[in-house]
Protein backbone atom coordinates (compact mmCIF):
# COMPACT_ATOMS: atom_id res chain seq x y z
CA UNK A 1 0.00 0.00 0.00
CA UNK A 2 1.26 3.47 -0.84
CA UNK A 3 0.15 6.83 0.51
CA UNK A 4 1.53 10.38 0.43
CA UNK A 5 0.82 12.44 3.56
CA UNK A 6 2.07 16.03 3.80
CA UNK A 7 4.55 15.34 1.02
CA UNK A 8 6.05 12.25 2.66
CA UNK A 9 5.79 8.94 0.82
CA UNK A 10 4.75 5.94 2.90
CA UNK A 11 5.04 2.76 0.84
CA UNK A 12 4.90 -0.72 2.35
CA UNK A 13 6.60 -2.22 -0.71
CA UNK A 14 9.87 -0.31 -0.33
CA UNK A 15 9.95 0.27 3.44
CA UNK A 16 11.63 -1.79 6.16
CA UNK A 17 9.25 -3.84 8.30
CA UNK A 18 9.85 -3.30 12.03
CA UNK A 19 7.35 -5.89 13.20
CA UNK A 20 3.85 -7.36 12.90
CA UNK A 21 1.15 -7.95 15.51
CA UNK A 22 -2.49 -9.06 15.51
CA UNK A 23 -5.14 -9.32 18.20
CA UNK A 24 -5.29 -13.11 18.06
CA UNK A 25 -8.83 -13.48 16.72
CA UNK A 26 -9.59 -15.69 13.68
CA UNK A 27 -8.85 -13.87 10.45
CA UNK A 28 -12.49 -14.14 9.36
CA UNK A 29 -13.73 -12.66 12.66
CA UNK A 30 -15.37 -9.23 12.33
CA UNK A 31 -13.19 -7.99 15.22
CA UNK A 32 -9.89 -9.31 13.84
CA UNK A 33 -7.20 -6.76 13.04
CA UNK A 34 -3.48 -6.73 12.47
CA UNK A 35 -0.85 -4.02 12.45
CA UNK A 36 2.61 -3.68 10.96
CA UNK A 37 5.05 -0.85 11.62
CA UNK A 38 7.43 0.22 8.86
CA UNK A 39 10.38 2.59 8.50
CA UNK A 40 10.55 4.25 5.09
CA UNK A 41 13.85 4.96 3.27
CA UNK A 42 13.93 8.45 4.82
CA UNK A 43 13.69 7.05 8.34
CA UNK A 44 10.04 7.97 8.89
CA UNK A 45 7.93 5.44 10.79
CA UNK A 46 4.36 4.56 9.92
CA UNK A 47 1.73 2.01 10.84
CA UNK A 48 -0.17 -0.09 8.32
CA UNK A 49 -3.32 -1.53 9.83
CA UNK A 50 -6.16 -3.62 8.50
CA UNK A 51 -9.07 -5.40 10.09
CA UNK A 52 -12.64 -6.57 10.09
CA UNK A 53 -15.83 -4.58 10.07
CA UNK A 54 -16.00 -4.29 13.88
CA UNK A 55 -12.30 -3.69 14.43
CA UNK A 56 -10.53 -0.41 15.11
CA UNK A 57 -9.51 -0.39 11.44
CA UNK A 58 -13.03 -0.90 10.12
CA UNK A 59 -14.50 1.67 7.73
CA UNK A 60 -17.74 2.80 6.10
CA UNK A 61 -18.64 2.67 2.41
CA UNK A 62 -21.90 4.27 1.32
CA UNK A 63 -22.97 4.35 4.97
CA UNK A 64 -22.37 0.61 5.30
CA UNK A 65 -19.71 -0.78 7.68
CA UNK A 66 -16.85 -2.60 6.01
CA UNK A 67 -13.45 -3.97 6.80
CA UNK A 68 -10.69 -1.43 6.31
CA UNK A 69 -7.00 -0.78 5.89
CA UNK A 70 -4.89 2.32 6.10
CA UNK A 71 -1.58 4.03 6.82
CA UNK A 72 -0.88 6.26 9.82
CA UNK A 73 2.39 8.22 10.27
CA UNK A 74 4.18 7.71 13.59
CA UNK A 75 6.85 9.58 15.50
CA UNK A 76 9.91 7.63 16.61
CA UNK A 77 8.62 7.61 20.20
CA UNK A 78 5.24 6.29 19.04
CA UNK A 79 6.96 3.54 17.06
CA UNK A 80 9.07 2.62 20.11
CA UNK A 81 6.00 2.45 22.32
CA UNK A 82 4.17 0.27 19.79
CA UNK A 83 7.16 -2.07 19.49
CA UNK A 84 7.61 -2.29 23.26
CA UNK A 85 3.97 -3.22 23.78
CA UNK A 86 3.57 -5.51 20.75
CA UNK A 87 6.95 -7.17 20.11
CA UNK A 88 9.27 -9.33 22.17
CA UNK A 89 12.56 -7.94 23.45
CA UNK A 90 14.63 -9.13 20.48
CA UNK A 91 12.12 -7.63 18.05
CA UNK A 92 12.28 -4.27 19.81
CA UNK A 93 16.06 -4.20 20.20
CA UNK A 94 16.74 -5.22 16.59
CA UNK A 95 15.24 -1.89 15.52
CA UNK A 96 15.79 0.48 18.45
CA UNK A 97 18.68 -1.06 20.37
CA UNK A 98 18.81 -2.02 24.07
CA UNK A 99 15.99 -0.61 26.16
CA UNK A 100 16.91 2.11 28.63
CA UNK A 101 16.07 1.49 32.26
CA UNK A 102 13.74 4.05 33.86
CA UNK A 103 14.95 6.45 36.53
CA UNK A 104 13.27 5.12 39.63
CA UNK A 105 12.74 7.04 42.88
CA UNK A 106 11.84 5.46 46.18
CA UNK A 107 12.37 1.95 44.86
CA UNK A 108 14.00 -0.93 46.68
CA UNK A 109 17.31 -1.46 44.93
CA UNK A 110 19.33 -4.60 44.39
CA UNK A 111 19.91 -7.37 41.89
CA UNK A 112 16.78 -9.10 40.61
CA UNK A 113 16.31 -12.72 39.66
CA UNK A 114 14.73 -13.27 36.21
CA UNK A 115 10.94 -13.61 36.33
CA UNK A 116 8.48 -14.24 33.48
CA UNK A 117 7.57 -10.59 32.90
CA UNK A 118 9.87 -9.96 29.94
CA UNK A 119 7.27 -10.23 27.19
CA UNK A 120 4.23 -9.09 29.20
CA UNK A 121 2.38 -5.78 28.92
CA UNK A 122 1.76 -3.67 32.04
CA UNK A 123 -1.78 -5.04 32.28
CA UNK A 124 -0.59 -8.64 31.96
CA UNK A 125 2.01 -8.10 34.68
CA UNK A 126 -0.61 -6.69 37.04
CA UNK A 127 -2.96 -9.59 36.33
CA UNK A 128 -0.12 -12.05 36.96
CA UNK A 129 0.69 -10.33 40.26
CA UNK A 130 -3.00 -10.39 41.28
CA UNK A 131 -2.97 -14.15 40.77
CA UNK A 132 -0.09 -14.24 43.28
CA UNK A 133 -2.08 -12.19 45.81
CA UNK A 134 -0.64 -8.75 45.02
CA UNK A 135 -3.17 -6.01 44.34
CA UNK A 136 -1.99 -2.98 42.35
CA UNK A 137 -2.86 0.65 41.82
CA UNK A 138 -1.21 3.42 39.86
CA UNK A 139 -1.30 7.18 39.54
CA UNK A 140 0.07 9.99 37.39
CA UNK A 141 1.11 12.80 39.70
CA UNK A 142 3.87 15.16 40.77
CA UNK A 143 2.66 15.43 44.37
CA UNK A 144 5.19 14.17 46.88
CA UNK A 145 7.92 13.56 44.33
CA UNK A 146 8.95 16.55 42.23
CA UNK A 147 7.50 19.20 39.95
CA UNK A 148 7.64 17.03 36.84
CA UNK A 149 4.68 14.71 36.29
CA UNK A 150 5.58 11.09 36.98
CA UNK A 151 4.01 7.65 37.11
CA UNK A 152 3.73 5.68 40.38
CA UNK A 153 2.80 2.01 40.72
CA UNK A 154 2.05 0.21 44.00
CA UNK A 155 1.87 -3.55 44.61
CA UNK A 156 0.24 -4.32 47.97
CA UNK A 157 -1.14 -7.22 49.99
CA UNK A 158 -2.85 -7.75 53.36
CA UNK A 159 -1.34 -11.14 54.18
CA UNK A 160 2.18 -12.44 54.53
CA UNK A 161 2.95 -16.15 54.22
CA UNK A 162 -0.36 -17.17 55.77
CA UNK A 163 -0.53 -14.36 58.37
CA UNK A 164 -3.28 -11.72 58.15
CA UNK A 165 -1.85 -8.21 58.53
CA UNK A 166 -3.11 -5.17 60.38
CA UNK A 167 -1.37 -2.91 57.86
CA UNK A 168 -0.73 -3.84 54.27
CA UNK A 169 2.64 -4.53 52.73
CA UNK A 170 3.29 -2.09 49.90
CA UNK A 171 6.11 -1.93 47.36
CA UNK A 172 6.17 1.02 44.98
CA UNK A 173 8.10 2.47 42.08
CA UNK A 174 8.08 5.95 40.58
CA UNK A 175 9.50 7.38 37.36
CA UNK A 176 9.17 10.57 35.34
CA UNK A 177 10.16 8.66 32.19
CA UNK A 178 6.64 8.04 30.91
CA UNK A 179 7.91 6.14 27.87
CA UNK A 180 9.12 3.39 30.21
CA UNK A 181 6.01 2.70 32.27
CA UNK A 182 5.95 -1.00 31.34
CA UNK A 183 9.55 -1.42 32.50
CA UNK A 184 8.79 0.33 35.78
CA UNK A 185 5.78 -1.92 36.41
CA UNK A 186 7.89 -5.02 35.69
CA UNK A 187 10.75 -3.89 37.92
CA UNK A 188 8.46 -3.00 40.83
CA UNK A 189 6.66 -6.33 40.51
CA UNK A 190 10.03 -8.12 40.59
CA UNK A 191 10.98 -6.31 43.79
CA UNK A 192 7.69 -7.24 45.43
CA UNK A 193 8.32 -10.90 44.58
CA UNK A 194 11.89 -10.60 45.84
CA UNK A 195 10.63 -9.24 49.18
CA UNK A 196 8.20 -12.18 49.42
CA UNK A 197 10.99 -14.71 48.87
CA UNK A 198 13.66 -12.96 50.96
CA UNK A 199 11.61 -12.35 54.11
CA UNK A 200 9.31 -15.30 54.83
CA UNK A 201 9.52 -14.77 58.61
CA UNK A 202 9.32 -10.97 58.68
CA UNK A 203 6.76 -8.53 57.35
CA UNK A 204 8.55 -6.06 55.05
CA UNK A 205 7.39 -2.60 54.06
CA UNK A 206 9.02 -0.05 51.82
CA UNK A 207 10.03 3.18 53.55
CA UNK A 208 11.69 6.42 52.54
CA UNK A 209 14.98 4.90 53.61
CA UNK A 210 14.59 1.93 51.29
CA UNK A 211 14.57 -0.37 54.33
CA UNK A 212 12.65 -3.53 55.06
CA UNK A 213 11.38 -3.36 58.64
CA UNK A 214 9.39 -5.63 60.99
CA UNK A 215 5.62 -5.25 61.30
CA UNK A 216 5.80 -3.38 64.63
CA UNK A 217 7.79 -0.60 62.97
CA UNK A 218 5.43 -0.29 59.99
CA UNK A 219 3.67 2.92 61.02
CA UNK A 220 6.91 4.79 61.71
CA UNK A 221 10.01 4.19 59.60
CA UNK A 222 13.11 3.57 61.78
CA UNK A 223 14.67 6.94 60.96
CA UNK A 224 11.65 8.70 62.53
CA UNK A 225 11.77 6.74 65.82
CA UNK A 226 13.55 8.06 68.91
CA UNK A 227 15.33 4.75 69.37
CA UNK A 228 16.30 4.39 65.71
CA UNK A 229 19.99 4.95 66.37
CA UNK A 230 20.10 2.49 69.27
CA UNK A 231 18.20 -0.13 67.27
CA UNK A 232 20.63 0.23 64.39
CA UNK A 233 23.70 -0.05 66.61
CA UNK A 234 22.35 -3.08 68.43
CA UNK A 235 21.61 -4.94 65.22
CA UNK A 236 18.04 -4.14 64.26
CA UNK A 237 16.12 -6.69 62.23
CA UNK A 238 15.55 -3.97 59.64
CA UNK A 239 17.34 -4.93 56.47
CA UNK A 240 17.71 -3.59 52.97
CA UNK A 241 16.91 -5.41 49.77
CA UNK A 242 20.31 -4.24 48.56
CA UNK A 243 21.79 -7.17 50.51
C-alpha atoms as a PDB file:
ATOM      1  CA  UNK A   1       0.000   0.000   0.000  1.00  0.00           C
ATOM      2  CA  UNK A   2       1.255   3.470  -0.836  1.00  0.00           C
ATOM      3  CA  UNK A   3       0.150   6.826   0.506  1.00  0.00           C
ATOM      4  CA  UNK A   4       1.526  10.382   0.426  1.00  0.00           C
ATOM      5  CA  UNK A   5       0.824  12.440   3.561  1.00  0.00           C
ATOM      6  CA  UNK A   6       2.067  16.030   3.800  1.00  0.00           C
ATOM      7  CA  UNK A   7       4.550  15.343   1.023  1.00  0.00           C
ATOM      8  CA  UNK A   8       6.049  12.252   2.665  1.00  0.00           C
ATOM      9  CA  UNK A   9       5.794   8.938   0.823  1.00  0.00           C
ATOM     10  CA  UNK A  10       4.751   5.941   2.899  1.00  0.00           C
ATOM     11  CA  UNK A  11       5.041   2.762   0.836  1.00  0.00           C
ATOM     12  CA  UNK A  12       4.900  -0.716   2.353  1.00  0.00           C
ATOM     13  CA  UNK A  13       6.596  -2.225  -0.710  1.00  0.00           C
ATOM     14  CA  UNK A  14       9.866  -0.306  -0.326  1.00  0.00           C
ATOM     15  CA  UNK A  15       9.951   0.273   3.444  1.00  0.00           C
ATOM     16  CA  UNK A  16      11.625  -1.789   6.157  1.00  0.00           C
ATOM     17  CA  UNK A  17       9.253  -3.844   8.304  1.00  0.00           C
ATOM     18  CA  UNK A  18       9.849  -3.301  12.026  1.00  0.00           C
ATOM     19  CA  UNK A  19       7.347  -5.893  13.195  1.00  0.00           C
ATOM     20  CA  UNK A  20       3.854  -7.358  12.905  1.00  0.00           C
ATOM     21  CA  UNK A  21       1.155  -7.947  15.511  1.00  0.00           C
ATOM     22  CA  UNK A  22      -2.485  -9.062  15.507  1.00  0.00           C
ATOM     23  CA  UNK A  23      -5.140  -9.317  18.203  1.00  0.00           C
ATOM     24  CA  UNK A  24      -5.285 -13.109  18.056  1.00  0.00           C
ATOM     25  CA  UNK A  25      -8.829 -13.484  16.716  1.00  0.00           C
ATOM     26  CA  UNK A  26      -9.594 -15.695  13.683  1.00  0.00           C
ATOM     27  CA  UNK A  27      -8.846 -13.874  10.454  1.00  0.00           C
ATOM     28  CA  UNK A  28     -12.495 -14.140   9.357  1.00  0.00           C
ATOM     29  CA  UNK A  29     -13.728 -12.661  12.659  1.00  0.00           C
ATOM     30  CA  UNK A  30     -15.365  -9.233  12.329  1.00  0.00           C
ATOM     31  CA  UNK A  31     -13.187  -7.991  15.218  1.00  0.00           C
ATOM     32  CA  UNK A  32      -9.892  -9.305  13.840  1.00  0.00           C
ATOM     33  CA  UNK A  33      -7.204  -6.765  13.041  1.00  0.00           C
ATOM     34  CA  UNK A  34      -3.476  -6.729  12.469  1.00  0.00           C
ATOM     35  CA  UNK A  35      -0.849  -4.016  12.451  1.00  0.00           C
ATOM     36  CA  UNK A  36       2.608  -3.683  10.965  1.00  0.00           C
ATOM     37  CA  UNK A  37       5.046  -0.846  11.622  1.00  0.00           C
ATOM     38  CA  UNK A  38       7.433   0.222   8.863  1.00  0.00           C
ATOM     39  CA  UNK A  39      10.384   2.592   8.500  1.00  0.00           C
ATOM     40  CA  UNK A  40      10.554   4.252   5.092  1.00  0.00           C
ATOM     41  CA  UNK A  41      13.855   4.961   3.273  1.00  0.00           C
ATOM     42  CA  UNK A  42      13.933   8.450   4.819  1.00  0.00           C
ATOM     43  CA  UNK A  43      13.692   7.050   8.342  1.00  0.00           C
ATOM     44  CA  UNK A  44      10.038   7.968   8.888  1.00  0.00           C
ATOM     45  CA  UNK A  45       7.933   5.438  10.786  1.00  0.00           C
ATOM     46  CA  UNK A  46       4.357   4.558   9.918  1.00  0.00           C
ATOM     47  CA  UNK A  47       1.731   2.012  10.837  1.00  0.00           C
ATOM     48  CA  UNK A  48      -0.170  -0.087   8.318  1.00  0.00           C
ATOM     49  CA  UNK A  49      -3.318  -1.527   9.834  1.00  0.00           C
ATOM     50  CA  UNK A  50      -6.158  -3.617   8.499  1.00  0.00           C
ATOM     51  CA  UNK A  51      -9.073  -5.398  10.086  1.00  0.00           C
ATOM     52  CA  UNK A  52     -12.643  -6.575  10.087  1.00  0.00           C
ATOM     53  CA  UNK A  53     -15.832  -4.581  10.074  1.00  0.00           C
ATOM     54  CA  UNK A  54     -16.004  -4.287  13.884  1.00  0.00           C
ATOM     55  CA  UNK A  55     -12.298  -3.693  14.433  1.00  0.00           C
ATOM     56  CA  UNK A  56     -10.533  -0.406  15.114  1.00  0.00           C
ATOM     57  CA  UNK A  57      -9.506  -0.394  11.439  1.00  0.00           C
ATOM     58  CA  UNK A  58     -13.032  -0.903  10.118  1.00  0.00           C
ATOM     59  CA  UNK A  59     -14.499   1.672   7.728  1.00  0.00           C
ATOM     60  CA  UNK A  60     -17.737   2.796   6.096  1.00  0.00           C
ATOM     61  CA  UNK A  61     -18.635   2.667   2.410  1.00  0.00           C
ATOM     62  CA  UNK A  62     -21.895   4.271   1.317  1.00  0.00           C
ATOM     63  CA  UNK A  63     -22.972   4.349   4.974  1.00  0.00           C
ATOM     64  CA  UNK A  64     -22.368   0.614   5.302  1.00  0.00           C
ATOM     65  CA  UNK A  65     -19.714  -0.777   7.680  1.00  0.00           C
ATOM     66  CA  UNK A  66     -16.854  -2.605   6.008  1.00  0.00           C
ATOM     67  CA  UNK A  67     -13.450  -3.969   6.795  1.00  0.00           C
ATOM     68  CA  UNK A  68     -10.693  -1.430   6.310  1.00  0.00           C
ATOM     69  CA  UNK A  69      -7.002  -0.779   5.892  1.00  0.00           C
ATOM     70  CA  UNK A  70      -4.888   2.323   6.099  1.00  0.00           C
ATOM     71  CA  UNK A  71      -1.581   4.028   6.820  1.00  0.00           C
ATOM     72  CA  UNK A  72      -0.881   6.260   9.823  1.00  0.00           C
ATOM     73  CA  UNK A  73       2.385   8.222  10.265  1.00  0.00           C
ATOM     74  CA  UNK A  74       4.183   7.707  13.594  1.00  0.00           C
ATOM     75  CA  UNK A  75       6.853   9.585  15.504  1.00  0.00           C
ATOM     76  CA  UNK A  76       9.905   7.625  16.611  1.00  0.00           C
ATOM     77  CA  UNK A  77       8.620   7.605  20.200  1.00  0.00           C
ATOM     78  CA  UNK A  78       5.244   6.285  19.044  1.00  0.00           C
ATOM     79  CA  UNK A  79       6.960   3.537  17.064  1.00  0.00           C
ATOM     80  CA  UNK A  80       9.070   2.624  20.109  1.00  0.00           C
ATOM     81  CA  UNK A  81       5.996   2.450  22.318  1.00  0.00           C
ATOM     82  CA  UNK A  82       4.168   0.270  19.790  1.00  0.00           C
ATOM     83  CA  UNK A  83       7.158  -2.073  19.493  1.00  0.00           C
ATOM     84  CA  UNK A  84       7.611  -2.291  23.256  1.00  0.00           C
ATOM     85  CA  UNK A  85       3.969  -3.223  23.781  1.00  0.00           C
ATOM     86  CA  UNK A  86       3.574  -5.508  20.752  1.00  0.00           C
ATOM     87  CA  UNK A  87       6.948  -7.170  20.107  1.00  0.00           C
ATOM     88  CA  UNK A  88       9.266  -9.327  22.171  1.00  0.00           C
ATOM     89  CA  UNK A  89      12.557  -7.938  23.448  1.00  0.00           C
ATOM     90  CA  UNK A  90      14.626  -9.132  20.482  1.00  0.00           C
ATOM     91  CA  UNK A  91      12.120  -7.628  18.053  1.00  0.00           C
ATOM     92  CA  UNK A  92      12.276  -4.273  19.809  1.00  0.00           C
ATOM     93  CA  UNK A  93      16.057  -4.197  20.201  1.00  0.00           C
ATOM     94  CA  UNK A  94      16.739  -5.224  16.591  1.00  0.00           C
ATOM     95  CA  UNK A  95      15.245  -1.888  15.524  1.00  0.00           C
ATOM     96  CA  UNK A  96      15.786   0.479  18.449  1.00  0.00           C
ATOM     97  CA  UNK A  97      18.684  -1.061  20.366  1.00  0.00           C
ATOM     98  CA  UNK A  98      18.809  -2.017  24.074  1.00  0.00           C
ATOM     99  CA  UNK A  99      15.994  -0.605  26.157  1.00  0.00           C
ATOM    100  CA  UNK A 100      16.912   2.108  28.633  1.00  0.00           C
ATOM    101  CA  UNK A 101      16.070   1.490  32.264  1.00  0.00           C
ATOM    102  CA  UNK A 102      13.738   4.048  33.857  1.00  0.00           C
ATOM    103  CA  UNK A 103      14.952   6.451  36.525  1.00  0.00           C
ATOM    104  CA  UNK A 104      13.268   5.124  39.630  1.00  0.00           C
ATOM    105  CA  UNK A 105      12.738   7.041  42.877  1.00  0.00           C
ATOM    106  CA  UNK A 106      11.836   5.465  46.184  1.00  0.00           C
ATOM    107  CA  UNK A 107      12.374   1.952  44.858  1.00  0.00           C
ATOM    108  CA  UNK A 108      13.998  -0.928  46.680  1.00  0.00           C
ATOM    109  CA  UNK A 109      17.306  -1.457  44.933  1.00  0.00           C
ATOM    110  CA  UNK A 110      19.328  -4.603  44.393  1.00  0.00           C
ATOM    111  CA  UNK A 111      19.907  -7.373  41.889  1.00  0.00           C
ATOM    112  CA  UNK A 112      16.778  -9.103  40.614  1.00  0.00           C
ATOM    113  CA  UNK A 113      16.308 -12.717  39.658  1.00  0.00           C
ATOM    114  CA  UNK A 114      14.726 -13.267  36.214  1.00  0.00           C
ATOM    115  CA  UNK A 115      10.937 -13.612  36.335  1.00  0.00           C
ATOM    116  CA  UNK A 116       8.477 -14.243  33.483  1.00  0.00           C
ATOM    117  CA  UNK A 117       7.572 -10.586  32.896  1.00  0.00           C
ATOM    118  CA  UNK A 118       9.870  -9.959  29.936  1.00  0.00           C
ATOM    119  CA  UNK A 119       7.268 -10.228  27.188  1.00  0.00           C
ATOM    120  CA  UNK A 120       4.232  -9.086  29.205  1.00  0.00           C
ATOM    121  CA  UNK A 121       2.382  -5.782  28.919  1.00  0.00           C
ATOM    122  CA  UNK A 122       1.757  -3.667  32.035  1.00  0.00           C
ATOM    123  CA  UNK A 123      -1.778  -5.043  32.281  1.00  0.00           C
ATOM    124  CA  UNK A 124      -0.592  -8.643  31.958  1.00  0.00           C
ATOM    125  CA  UNK A 125       2.007  -8.102  34.681  1.00  0.00           C
ATOM    126  CA  UNK A 126      -0.606  -6.693  37.043  1.00  0.00           C
ATOM    127  CA  UNK A 127      -2.963  -9.591  36.335  1.00  0.00           C
ATOM    128  CA  UNK A 128      -0.116 -12.051  36.962  1.00  0.00           C
ATOM    129  CA  UNK A 129       0.687 -10.333  40.265  1.00  0.00           C
ATOM    130  CA  UNK A 130      -2.997 -10.390  41.277  1.00  0.00           C
ATOM    131  CA  UNK A 131      -2.968 -14.149  40.766  1.00  0.00           C
ATOM    132  CA  UNK A 132      -0.092 -14.240  43.276  1.00  0.00           C
ATOM    133  CA  UNK A 133      -2.075 -12.188  45.806  1.00  0.00           C
ATOM    134  CA  UNK A 134      -0.638  -8.751  45.016  1.00  0.00           C
ATOM    135  CA  UNK A 135      -3.172  -6.006  44.335  1.00  0.00           C
ATOM    136  CA  UNK A 136      -1.995  -2.975  42.354  1.00  0.00           C
ATOM    137  CA  UNK A 137      -2.865   0.654  41.821  1.00  0.00           C
ATOM    138  CA  UNK A 138      -1.208   3.421  39.863  1.00  0.00           C
ATOM    139  CA  UNK A 139      -1.297   7.185  39.537  1.00  0.00           C
ATOM    140  CA  UNK A 140       0.071   9.990  37.390  1.00  0.00           C
ATOM    141  CA  UNK A 141       1.112  12.799  39.704  1.00  0.00           C
ATOM    142  CA  UNK A 142       3.874  15.158  40.769  1.00  0.00           C
ATOM    143  CA  UNK A 143       2.664  15.428  44.369  1.00  0.00           C
ATOM    144  CA  UNK A 144       5.194  14.165  46.885  1.00  0.00           C
ATOM    145  CA  UNK A 145       7.916  13.560  44.335  1.00  0.00           C
ATOM    146  CA  UNK A 146       8.954  16.548  42.226  1.00  0.00           C
ATOM    147  CA  UNK A 147       7.500  19.201  39.955  1.00  0.00           C
ATOM    148  CA  UNK A 148       7.637  17.027  36.839  1.00  0.00           C
ATOM    149  CA  UNK A 149       4.678  14.708  36.291  1.00  0.00           C
ATOM    150  CA  UNK A 150       5.580  11.095  36.982  1.00  0.00           C
ATOM    151  CA  UNK A 151       4.009   7.648  37.113  1.00  0.00           C
ATOM    152  CA  UNK A 152       3.731   5.684  40.377  1.00  0.00           C
ATOM    153  CA  UNK A 153       2.796   2.014  40.723  1.00  0.00           C
ATOM    154  CA  UNK A 154       2.050   0.208  44.005  1.00  0.00           C
ATOM    155  CA  UNK A 155       1.867  -3.546  44.608  1.00  0.00           C
ATOM    156  CA  UNK A 156       0.243  -4.321  47.970  1.00  0.00           C
ATOM    157  CA  UNK A 157      -1.138  -7.222  49.991  1.00  0.00           C
ATOM    158  CA  UNK A 158      -2.848  -7.750  53.363  1.00  0.00           C
ATOM    159  CA  UNK A 159      -1.337 -11.140  54.181  1.00  0.00           C
ATOM    160  CA  UNK A 160       2.184 -12.443  54.533  1.00  0.00           C
ATOM    161  CA  UNK A 161       2.949 -16.151  54.221  1.00  0.00           C
ATOM    162  CA  UNK A 162      -0.364 -17.166  55.770  1.00  0.00           C
ATOM    163  CA  UNK A 163      -0.534 -14.364  58.373  1.00  0.00           C
ATOM    164  CA  UNK A 164      -3.281 -11.722  58.147  1.00  0.00           C
ATOM    165  CA  UNK A 165      -1.847  -8.212  58.530  1.00  0.00           C
ATOM    166  CA  UNK A 166      -3.114  -5.169  60.384  1.00  0.00           C
ATOM    167  CA  UNK A 167      -1.365  -2.905  57.861  1.00  0.00           C
ATOM    168  CA  UNK A 168      -0.727  -3.836  54.266  1.00  0.00           C
ATOM    169  CA  UNK A 169       2.644  -4.534  52.732  1.00  0.00           C
ATOM    170  CA  UNK A 170       3.290  -2.093  49.896  1.00  0.00           C
ATOM    171  CA  UNK A 171       6.115  -1.929  47.358  1.00  0.00           C
ATOM    172  CA  UNK A 172       6.173   1.023  44.976  1.00  0.00           C
ATOM    173  CA  UNK A 173       8.102   2.473  42.078  1.00  0.00           C
ATOM    174  CA  UNK A 174       8.085   5.954  40.577  1.00  0.00           C
ATOM    175  CA  UNK A 175       9.498   7.379  37.363  1.00  0.00           C
ATOM    176  CA  UNK A 176       9.168  10.567  35.335  1.00  0.00           C
ATOM    177  CA  UNK A 177      10.156   8.662  32.187  1.00  0.00           C
ATOM    178  CA  UNK A 178       6.641   8.045  30.914  1.00  0.00           C
ATOM    179  CA  UNK A 179       7.912   6.140  27.867  1.00  0.00           C
ATOM    180  CA  UNK A 180       9.124   3.388  30.205  1.00  0.00           C
ATOM    181  CA  UNK A 181       6.009   2.699  32.272  1.00  0.00           C
ATOM    182  CA  UNK A 182       5.948  -0.999  31.338  1.00  0.00           C
ATOM    183  CA  UNK A 183       9.552  -1.416  32.497  1.00  0.00           C
ATOM    184  CA  UNK A 184       8.785   0.330  35.784  1.00  0.00           C
ATOM    185  CA  UNK A 185       5.776  -1.923  36.415  1.00  0.00           C
ATOM    186  CA  UNK A 186       7.888  -5.016  35.691  1.00  0.00           C
ATOM    187  CA  UNK A 187      10.754  -3.893  37.924  1.00  0.00           C
ATOM    188  CA  UNK A 188       8.463  -2.997  40.829  1.00  0.00           C
ATOM    189  CA  UNK A 189       6.662  -6.332  40.512  1.00  0.00           C
ATOM    190  CA  UNK A 190      10.026  -8.117  40.590  1.00  0.00           C
ATOM    191  CA  UNK A 191      10.979  -6.311  43.794  1.00  0.00           C
ATOM    192  CA  UNK A 192       7.691  -7.244  45.427  1.00  0.00           C
ATOM    193  CA  UNK A 193       8.316 -10.900  44.579  1.00  0.00           C
ATOM    194  CA  UNK A 194      11.890 -10.599  45.840  1.00  0.00           C
ATOM    195  CA  UNK A 195      10.628  -9.239  49.176  1.00  0.00           C
ATOM    196  CA  UNK A 196       8.204 -12.182  49.418  1.00  0.00           C
ATOM    197  CA  UNK A 197      10.992 -14.708  48.865  1.00  0.00           C
ATOM    198  CA  UNK A 198      13.660 -12.956  50.959  1.00  0.00           C
ATOM    199  CA  UNK A 199      11.614 -12.347  54.112  1.00  0.00           C
ATOM    200  CA  UNK A 200       9.306 -15.304  54.832  1.00  0.00           C
ATOM    201  CA  UNK A 201       9.522 -14.775  58.615  1.00  0.00           C
ATOM    202  CA  UNK A 202       9.324 -10.970  58.681  1.00  0.00           C
ATOM    203  CA  UNK A 203       6.764  -8.527  57.347  1.00  0.00           C
ATOM    204  CA  UNK A 204       8.552  -6.057  55.051  1.00  0.00           C
ATOM    205  CA  UNK A 205       7.393  -2.605  54.056  1.00  0.00           C
ATOM    206  CA  UNK A 206       9.023  -0.051  51.824  1.00  0.00           C
ATOM    207  CA  UNK A 207      10.030   3.185  53.548  1.00  0.00           C
ATOM    208  CA  UNK A 208      11.687   6.423  52.541  1.00  0.00           C
ATOM    209  CA  UNK A 209      14.983   4.904  53.614  1.00  0.00           C
ATOM    210  CA  UNK A 210      14.588   1.928  51.288  1.00  0.00           C
ATOM    211  CA  UNK A 211      14.567  -0.367  54.330  1.00  0.00           C
ATOM    212  CA  UNK A 212      12.654  -3.533  55.056  1.00  0.00           C
ATOM    213  CA  UNK A 213      11.381  -3.362  58.641  1.00  0.00           C
ATOM    214  CA  UNK A 214       9.391  -5.630  60.994  1.00  0.00           C
ATOM    215  CA  UNK A 215       5.623  -5.254  61.298  1.00  0.00           C
ATOM    216  CA  UNK A 216       5.797  -3.379  64.630  1.00  0.00           C
ATOM    217  CA  UNK A 217       7.786  -0.595  62.966  1.00  0.00           C
ATOM    218  CA  UNK A 218       5.427  -0.295  59.992  1.00  0.00           C
ATOM    219  CA  UNK A 219       3.671   2.920  61.024  1.00  0.00           C
ATOM    220  CA  UNK A 220       6.912   4.790  61.711  1.00  0.00           C
ATOM    221  CA  UNK A 221      10.009   4.193  59.598  1.00  0.00           C
ATOM    222  CA  UNK A 222      13.110   3.565  61.779  1.00  0.00           C
ATOM    223  CA  UNK A 223      14.670   6.942  60.963  1.00  0.00           C
ATOM    224  CA  UNK A 224      11.646   8.704  62.530  1.00  0.00           C
ATOM    225  CA  UNK A 225      11.769   6.744  65.818  1.00  0.00           C
ATOM    226  CA  UNK A 226      13.548   8.064  68.906  1.00  0.00           C
ATOM    227  CA  UNK A 227      15.326   4.748  69.369  1.00  0.00           C
ATOM    228  CA  UNK A 228      16.296   4.389  65.709  1.00  0.00           C
ATOM    229  CA  UNK A 229      19.987   4.950  66.373  1.00  0.00           C
ATOM    230  CA  UNK A 230      20.099   2.486  69.271  1.00  0.00           C
ATOM    231  CA  UNK A 231      18.196  -0.129  67.274  1.00  0.00           C
ATOM    232  CA  UNK A 232      20.627   0.232  64.389  1.00  0.00           C
ATOM    233  CA  UNK A 233      23.702  -0.049  66.609  1.00  0.00           C
ATOM    234  CA  UNK A 234      22.347  -3.083  68.426  1.00  0.00           C
ATOM    235  CA  UNK A 235      21.605  -4.939  65.218  1.00  0.00           C
ATOM    236  CA  UNK A 236      18.038  -4.141  64.256  1.00  0.00           C
ATOM    237  CA  UNK A 237      16.125  -6.690  62.230  1.00  0.00           C
ATOM    238  CA  UNK A 238      15.550  -3.966  59.641  1.00  0.00           C
ATOM    239  CA  UNK A 239      17.336  -4.925  56.473  1.00  0.00           C
ATOM    240  CA  UNK A 240      17.714  -3.593  52.973  1.00  0.00           C
ATOM    241  CA  UNK A 241      16.910  -5.411  49.771  1.00  0.00           C
ATOM    242  CA  UNK A 242      20.311  -4.242  48.562  1.00  0.00           C
ATOM    243  CA  UNK A 243      21.785  -7.169  50.507  1.00  0.00           C
END
